[in-house]
């Protein structure tokens, strides 16, 4: 029963990683590899004026949800570890 918390934490981490990778594939984050390969070699990067968004995009809420799931899993793992040692 000691390993249950660590298994939950590992499973959650792998699930979140796979979900983030599938999201990146679906939204085309890896579509322009030719340009991305030469970005570190450029002398200057043009600074574009960016207007602040009126509301947060959906990705922000997804990242907050993923972080919440990770923190919750870690807390459950620690609680299981603490109560297992004391009990």
C-alpha atoms as a PDB file:
ATOM      1  CA  UNK A   1       0.000   0.000   0.000  1.00  0.00           C
ATOM      2  CA  UNK A   2       3.017   2.280   0.406  1.00  0.00           C
ATOM      3  CA  UNK A   3       3.562   2.429  -3.339  1.00  0.00           C
ATOM      4  CA  UNK A   4      -0.029   3.408  -4.185  1.00  0.00           C
ATOM      5  CA  UNK A   5       0.636   7.137  -3.746  1.00  0.00           C
ATOM      6  CA  UNK A   6       3.735   7.067  -5.909  1.00  0.00           C
ATOM      7  CA  UNK A   7       1.907   5.087  -8.575  1.00  0.00           C
ATOM      8  CA  UNK A   8      -0.880   7.678  -8.583  1.00  0.00           C
ATOM      9  CA  UNK A   9       1.656  10.514  -8.823  1.00  0.00           C
ATOM     10  CA  UNK A  10       3.519   8.794 -11.677  1.00  0.00           C
ATOM     11  CA  UNK A  11       0.330   7.978 -13.552  1.00  0.00           C
ATOM     12  CA  UNK A  12      -0.921  11.553 -13.195  1.00  0.00           C
ATOM     13  CA  UNK A  13       2.392  12.993 -14.396  1.00  0.00           C
ATOM     14  CA  UNK A  14       2.483  10.721 -17.428  1.00  0.00           C
ATOM     15  CA  UNK A  15      -1.167  11.448 -18.232  1.00  0.00           C
ATOM     16  CA  UNK A  16      -0.647  15.208 -18.052  1.00  0.00           C
ATOM     17  CA  UNK A  17       2.496  14.942 -20.191  1.00  0.00           C
ATOM     18  CA  UNK A  18       0.697  12.921 -22.858  1.00  0.00           C
ATOM     19  CA  UNK A  19      -2.249  15.328 -22.809  1.00  0.00           C
ATOM     20  CA  UNK A  20       0.076  18.333 -23.240  1.00  0.00           C
ATOM     21  CA  UNK A  21       1.931  16.603 -26.081  1.00  0.00           C
ATOM     22  CA  UNK A  22      -1.305  15.703 -27.874  1.00  0.00           C
ATOM     23  CA  UNK A  23      -2.542  19.271 -27.439  1.00  0.00           C
ATOM     24  CA  UNK A  24       0.697  20.580 -28.974  1.00  0.00           C
ATOM     25  CA  UNK A  25       0.344  18.216 -31.923  1.00  0.00           C
ATOM     26  CA  UNK A  26      -3.302  19.121 -32.463  1.00  0.00           C
ATOM     27  CA  UNK A  27      -2.719  22.882 -32.360  1.00  0.00           C
ATOM     28  CA  UNK A  28       0.310  22.786 -34.669  1.00  0.00           C
ATOM     29  CA  UNK A  29       3.017  23.749 -32.170  1.00  0.00           C
ATOM     30  CA  UNK A  30       5.557  21.618 -34.076  1.00  0.00           C
ATOM     31  CA  UNK A  31       4.499  22.630 -37.591  1.00  0.00           C
ATOM     32  CA  UNK A  32       7.334  25.059 -38.483  1.00  0.00           C
ATOM     33  CA  UNK A  33      10.505  23.215 -37.476  1.00  0.00           C
ATOM     34  CA  UNK A  34      12.595  24.769 -40.268  1.00  0.00           C
ATOM     35  CA  UNK A  35      12.130  28.290 -38.905  1.00  0.00           C
ATOM     36  CA  UNK A  36      12.479  27.249 -35.250  1.00  0.00           C
ATOM     37  CA  UNK A  37      15.830  25.628 -35.938  1.00  0.00           C
ATOM     38  CA  UNK A  38      17.432  28.958 -36.927  1.00  0.00           C
ATOM     39  CA  UNK A  39      15.872  31.267 -34.316  1.00  0.00           C
ATOM     40  CA  UNK A  40      18.848  31.071 -31.884  1.00  0.00           C
ATOM     41  CA  UNK A  41      21.216  32.097 -34.701  1.00  0.00           C
ATOM     42  CA  UNK A  42      19.449  35.372 -35.530  1.00  0.00           C
ATOM     43  CA  UNK A  43      21.167  38.599 -34.532  1.00  0.00           C
ATOM     44  CA  UNK A  44      18.028  40.438 -33.599  1.00  0.00           C
ATOM     45  CA  UNK A  45      14.473  39.546 -32.885  1.00  0.00           C
ATOM     46  CA  UNK A  46      11.898  42.120 -33.956  1.00  0.00           C
ATOM     47  CA  UNK A  47       9.808  43.371 -31.073  1.00  0.00           C
ATOM     48  CA  UNK A  48       6.180  43.504 -32.014  1.00  0.00           C
ATOM     49  CA  UNK A  49       3.722  45.638 -30.157  1.00  0.00           C
ATOM     50  CA  UNK A  50       1.334  43.304 -28.409  1.00  0.00           C
ATOM     51  CA  UNK A  51      -1.946  44.555 -27.089  1.00  0.00           C
ATOM     52  CA  UNK A  52      -3.088  43.046 -23.808  1.00  0.00           C
ATOM     53  CA  UNK A  53      -5.862  40.499 -24.280  1.00  0.00           C
ATOM     54  CA  UNK A  54      -9.317  41.319 -23.028  1.00  0.00           C
ATOM     55  CA  UNK A  55      -9.652  37.927 -21.357  1.00  0.00           C
ATOM     56  CA  UNK A  56      -7.424  34.936 -20.725  1.00  0.00           C
ATOM     57  CA  UNK A  57      -7.341  32.330 -23.512  1.00  0.00           C
ATOM     58  CA  UNK A  58      -8.524  28.772 -22.969  1.00  0.00           C
ATOM     59  CA  UNK A  59      -4.920  27.540 -22.772  1.00  0.00           C
ATOM     60  CA  UNK A  60      -4.364  29.482 -19.560  1.00  0.00           C
ATOM     61  CA  UNK A  61      -7.285  27.743 -17.892  1.00  0.00           C
ATOM     62  CA  UNK A  62      -6.048  24.356 -19.136  1.00  0.00           C
ATOM     63  CA  UNK A  63      -2.569  24.992 -17.728  1.00  0.00           C
ATOM     64  CA  UNK A  64      -4.057  26.026 -14.396  1.00  0.00           C
ATOM     65  CA  UNK A  65      -6.166  22.855 -14.368  1.00  0.00           C
ATOM     66  CA  UNK A  66      -3.124  20.671 -15.187  1.00  0.00           C
ATOM     67  CA  UNK A  67      -1.111  22.378 -12.449  1.00  0.00           C
ATOM     68  CA  UNK A  68      -3.979  21.869 -10.005  1.00  0.00           C
ATOM     69  CA  UNK A  69      -4.186  18.170 -10.812  1.00  0.00           C
ATOM     70  CA  UNK A  70      -0.430  17.839 -10.329  1.00  0.00           C
ATOM     71  CA  UNK A  71      -0.436  19.659  -6.995  1.00  0.00           C
ATOM     72  CA  UNK A  72      -3.448  17.628  -5.829  1.00  0.00           C
ATOM     73  CA  UNK A  73      -1.741  14.350  -6.774  1.00  0.00           C
ATOM     74  CA  UNK A  74       1.436  15.366  -5.016  1.00  0.00           C
ATOM     75  CA  UNK A  75      -0.516  16.354  -1.886  1.00  0.00           C
ATOM     76  CA  UNK A  76      -2.381  13.036  -1.875  1.00  0.00           C
ATOM     77  CA  UNK A  77       0.916  11.185  -2.227  1.00  0.00           C
ATOM     78  CA  UNK A  78       2.446  13.068   0.681  1.00  0.00           C
ATOM     79  CA  UNK A  79      -0.623  12.539   2.851  1.00  0.00           C
ATOM     80  CA  UNK A  80      -0.624   8.824   2.127  1.00  0.00           C
ATOM     81  CA  UNK A  81       3.062   8.689   2.969  1.00  0.00           C
ATOM     82  CA  UNK A  82       2.641  10.599   6.231  1.00  0.00           C
ATOM     83  CA  UNK A  83      -0.354   8.605   7.444  1.00  0.00           C
ATOM     84  CA  UNK A  84       1.270   5.316   6.437  1.00  0.00           C
ATOM     85  CA  UNK A  85       4.386   6.070   8.464  1.00  0.00           C
ATOM     86  CA  UNK A  86       2.444   7.213  11.547  1.00  0.00           C
ATOM     87  CA  UNK A  87      -0.195   4.506  11.364  1.00  0.00           C
END
